[in-house]
């Protein structure tokens, strides 16, 4: 047995025996056995809350979007990509955006009606 593992054994063994003695005397679990489970359950709850919160905040799953009605969208996943600019920004200017997109020489620019 390596010196390091002997030292760990000498440190852990009295703690384990003491915990067993406390448990037998009071019929309760010592804090050392309850604390890790409590911590892991708290972390699991936080992770699940963050996961569900992100789904709710991002409105997922969203099985429908008005951009799906554009005929060119059918080829978006096979050999092209599709850029959707939504007009929810108060500084959005429909004419300036269309002019800018046309200056990039795209295959097509389509306006989507919600």
C-alpha atoms as a PDB file:
ATOM      1  CA  UNK A   1       0.000   0.000   0.000  1.00  0.00           C
ATOM      2  CA  UNK A   2       1.362   3.414  -0.949  1.00  0.00           C
ATOM      3  CA  UNK A   3       2.120   5.905   1.867  1.00  0.00           C
ATOM      4  CA  UNK A   4      -0.474   8.342   0.533  1.00  0.00           C
ATOM      5  CA  UNK A   5      -3.324   5.832   0.538  1.00  0.00           C
ATOM      6  CA  UNK A   6      -2.322   4.696   4.034  1.00  0.00           C
ATOM      7  CA  UNK A   7      -2.663   8.298   5.223  1.00  0.00           C
ATOM      8  CA  UNK A   8      -6.070   8.655   3.609  1.00  0.00           C
ATOM      9  CA  UNK A   9      -7.170   5.382   5.206  1.00  0.00           C
ATOM     10  CA  UNK A  10      -5.992   6.547   8.615  1.00  0.00           C
ATOM     11  CA  UNK A  11      -7.943   9.802   8.137  1.00  0.00           C
ATOM     12  CA  UNK A  12     -11.152   8.306   6.790  1.00  0.00           C
ATOM     13  CA  UNK A  13     -11.435   5.248   9.018  1.00  0.00           C
ATOM     14  CA  UNK A  14     -11.998   7.135  12.320  1.00  0.00           C
ATOM     15  CA  UNK A  15     -14.525   9.412  10.606  1.00  0.00           C
ATOM     16  CA  UNK A  16     -16.420   6.430   9.198  1.00  0.00           C
ATOM     17  CA  UNK A  17     -16.404   4.622  12.546  1.00  0.00           C
ATOM     18  CA  UNK A  18     -17.520   7.757  14.348  1.00  0.00           C
ATOM     19  CA  UNK A  19     -20.348   8.318  11.860  1.00  0.00           C
ATOM     20  CA  UNK A  20     -21.489   4.729  12.300  1.00  0.00           C
ATOM     21  CA  UNK A  21     -21.466   5.153  16.072  1.00  0.00           C
ATOM     22  CA  UNK A  22     -23.507   8.381  15.855  1.00  0.00           C
ATOM     23  CA  UNK A  23     -25.982   6.770  13.500  1.00  0.00           C
ATOM     24  CA  UNK A  24     -26.433   3.753  15.764  1.00  0.00           C
ATOM     25  CA  UNK A  25     -26.907   5.914  18.858  1.00  0.00           C
ATOM     26  CA  UNK A  26     -29.380   8.445  17.464  1.00  0.00           C
ATOM     27  CA  UNK A  27     -31.020   6.438  14.660  1.00  0.00           C
ATOM     28  CA  UNK A  28     -30.339   9.322  12.255  1.00  0.00           C
ATOM     29  CA  UNK A  29     -28.035   9.803   9.321  1.00  0.00           C
ATOM     30  CA  UNK A  30     -24.880  11.832   9.944  1.00  0.00           C
ATOM     31  CA  UNK A  31     -24.536  15.113   8.063  1.00  0.00           C
ATOM     32  CA  UNK A  32     -21.678  13.705   5.994  1.00  0.00           C
ATOM     33  CA  UNK A  33     -24.006  11.283   4.234  1.00  0.00           C
ATOM     34  CA  UNK A  34     -26.882  13.713   3.717  1.00  0.00           C
ATOM     35  CA  UNK A  35     -24.913  16.738   2.516  1.00  0.00           C
ATOM     36  CA  UNK A  36     -23.607  15.323  -0.808  1.00  0.00           C
ATOM     37  CA  UNK A  37     -27.055  14.082  -1.801  1.00  0.00           C
ATOM     38  CA  UNK A  38     -28.566  17.459  -0.943  1.00  0.00           C
ATOM     39  CA  UNK A  39     -25.934  19.281  -2.987  1.00  0.00           C
ATOM     40  CA  UNK A  40     -26.363  16.990  -5.995  1.00  0.00           C
ATOM     41  CA  UNK A  41     -30.134  17.336  -5.857  1.00  0.00           C
ATOM     42  CA  UNK A  42     -29.802  21.115  -5.730  1.00  0.00           C
ATOM     43  CA  UNK A  43     -27.502  21.131  -8.765  1.00  0.00           C
ATOM     44  CA  UNK A  44     -29.860  18.806 -10.646  1.00  0.00           C
ATOM     45  CA  UNK A  45     -32.825  21.036  -9.830  1.00  0.00           C
ATOM     46  CA  UNK A  46     -30.940  24.141 -10.962  1.00  0.00           C
ATOM     47  CA  UNK A  47     -29.913  22.486 -14.227  1.00  0.00           C
ATOM     48  CA  UNK A  48     -33.450  21.294 -14.959  1.00  0.00           C
ATOM     49  CA  UNK A  49     -34.876  24.712 -14.078  1.00  0.00           C
ATOM     50  CA  UNK A  50     -32.404  26.422 -16.425  1.00  0.00           C
ATOM     51  CA  UNK A  51     -33.211  23.950 -19.210  1.00  0.00           C
ATOM     52  CA  UNK A  52     -36.988  24.350 -18.890  1.00  0.00           C
ATOM     53  CA  UNK A  53     -36.625  28.113 -18.421  1.00  0.00           C
ATOM     54  CA  UNK A  54     -34.657  28.455 -21.657  1.00  0.00           C
ATOM     55  CA  UNK A  55     -37.309  26.469 -23.547  1.00  0.00           C
ATOM     56  CA  UNK A  56     -40.074  28.677 -22.157  1.00  0.00           C
ATOM     57  CA  UNK A  57     -38.124  31.922 -22.659  1.00  0.00           C
ATOM     58  CA  UNK A  58     -37.213  31.051 -26.264  1.00  0.00           C
ATOM     59  CA  UNK A  59     -40.772  29.903 -26.987  1.00  0.00           C
ATOM     60  CA  UNK A  60     -39.622  26.406 -27.907  1.00  0.00           C
ATOM     61  CA  UNK A  61     -40.710  24.215 -29.479  1.00  0.00           C
ATOM     62  CA  UNK A  62     -42.012  26.503 -32.180  1.00  0.00           C
ATOM     63  CA  UNK A  63     -43.362  24.209 -34.893  1.00  0.00           C
ATOM     64  CA  UNK A  64     -44.603  27.030 -37.120  1.00  0.00           C
ATOM     65  CA  UNK A  65     -43.117  30.252 -38.421  1.00  0.00           C
ATOM     66  CA  UNK A  66     -44.540  32.447 -41.221  1.00  0.00           C
ATOM     67  CA  UNK A  67     -41.266  32.126 -43.169  1.00  0.00           C
ATOM     68  CA  UNK A  68     -42.220  28.501 -43.912  1.00  0.00           C
ATOM     69  CA  UNK A  69     -44.833  29.836 -46.375  1.00  0.00           C
ATOM     70  CA  UNK A  70     -42.186  31.308 -48.716  1.00  0.00           C
ATOM     71  CA  UNK A  71     -41.729  28.918 -51.684  1.00  0.00           C
ATOM     72  CA  UNK A  72     -37.923  29.365 -51.716  1.00  0.00           C
ATOM     73  CA  UNK A  73     -37.689  28.086 -48.151  1.00  0.00           C
ATOM     74  CA  UNK A  74     -38.085  24.497 -49.346  1.00  0.00           C
ATOM     75  CA  UNK A  75     -34.497  24.543 -50.676  1.00  0.00           C
ATOM     76  CA  UNK A  76     -33.063  26.234 -47.583  1.00  0.00           C
ATOM     77  CA  UNK A  77     -31.943  23.004 -45.968  1.00  0.00           C
ATOM     78  CA  UNK A  78     -30.690  21.204 -49.077  1.00  0.00           C
ATOM     79  CA  UNK A  79     -28.359  23.537 -50.989  1.00  0.00           C
ATOM     80  CA  UNK A  80     -28.991  27.086 -49.802  1.00  0.00           C
ATOM     81  CA  UNK A  81     -29.410  29.068 -46.607  1.00  0.00           C
ATOM     82  CA  UNK A  82     -32.191  31.400 -45.643  1.00  0.00           C
ATOM     83  CA  UNK A  83     -31.887  34.711 -43.789  1.00  0.00           C
ATOM     84  CA  UNK A  84     -34.925  35.987 -41.931  1.00  0.00           C
ATOM     85  CA  UNK A  85     -34.943  39.574 -40.662  1.00  0.00           C
ATOM     86  CA  UNK A  86     -37.889  40.312 -38.402  1.00  0.00           C
ATOM     87  CA  UNK A  87     -39.391  43.792 -38.224  1.00  0.00           C
ATOM     88  CA  UNK A  88     -39.833  43.996 -34.443  1.00  0.00           C
ATOM     89  CA  UNK A  89     -37.085  46.603 -33.975  1.00  0.00           C
ATOM     90  CA  UNK A  90     -38.464  50.173 -33.744  1.00  0.00           C
ATOM     91  CA  UNK A  91     -35.563  51.422 -35.936  1.00  0.00           C
ATOM     92  CA  UNK A  92     -36.371  48.890 -38.676  1.00  0.00           C
ATOM     93  CA  UNK A  93     -36.857  50.483 -42.112  1.00  0.00           C
ATOM     94  CA  UNK A  94     -38.407  48.131 -44.654  1.00  0.00           C
ATOM     95  CA  UNK A  95     -37.168  50.033 -47.730  1.00  0.00           C
ATOM     96  CA  UNK A  96     -33.581  50.496 -46.476  1.00  0.00           C
ATOM     97  CA  UNK A  97     -33.316  46.828 -45.491  1.00  0.00           C
ATOM     98  CA  UNK A  98     -34.628  45.639 -48.857  1.00  0.00           C
ATOM     99  CA  UNK A  99     -32.211  47.950 -50.684  1.00  0.00           C
ATOM    100  CA  UNK A 100     -29.291  46.698 -48.603  1.00  0.00           C
ATOM    101  CA  UNK A 101     -30.170  43.060 -49.202  1.00  0.00           C
ATOM    102  CA  UNK A 102     -30.544  43.633 -52.947  1.00  0.00           C
ATOM    103  CA  UNK A 103     -27.091  45.248 -53.029  1.00  0.00           C
ATOM    104  CA  UNK A 104     -25.621  41.913 -51.862  1.00  0.00           C
ATOM    105  CA  UNK A 105     -26.863  40.233 -55.096  1.00  0.00           C
ATOM    106  CA  UNK A 106     -28.885  37.431 -53.494  1.00  0.00           C
ATOM    107  CA  UNK A 107     -30.825  34.732 -55.348  1.00  0.00           C
ATOM    108  CA  UNK A 108     -34.009  36.346 -54.067  1.00  0.00           C
ATOM    109  CA  UNK A 109     -35.502  38.642 -51.470  1.00  0.00           C
ATOM    110  CA  UNK A 110     -39.006  37.845 -50.236  1.00  0.00           C
ATOM    111  CA  UNK A 111     -41.279  39.713 -47.867  1.00  0.00           C
ATOM    112  CA  UNK A 112     -43.090  37.492 -45.412  1.00  0.00           C
ATOM    113  CA  UNK A 113     -46.554  38.453 -44.252  1.00  0.00           C
ATOM    114  CA  UNK A 114     -47.280  37.249 -40.695  1.00  0.00           C
END
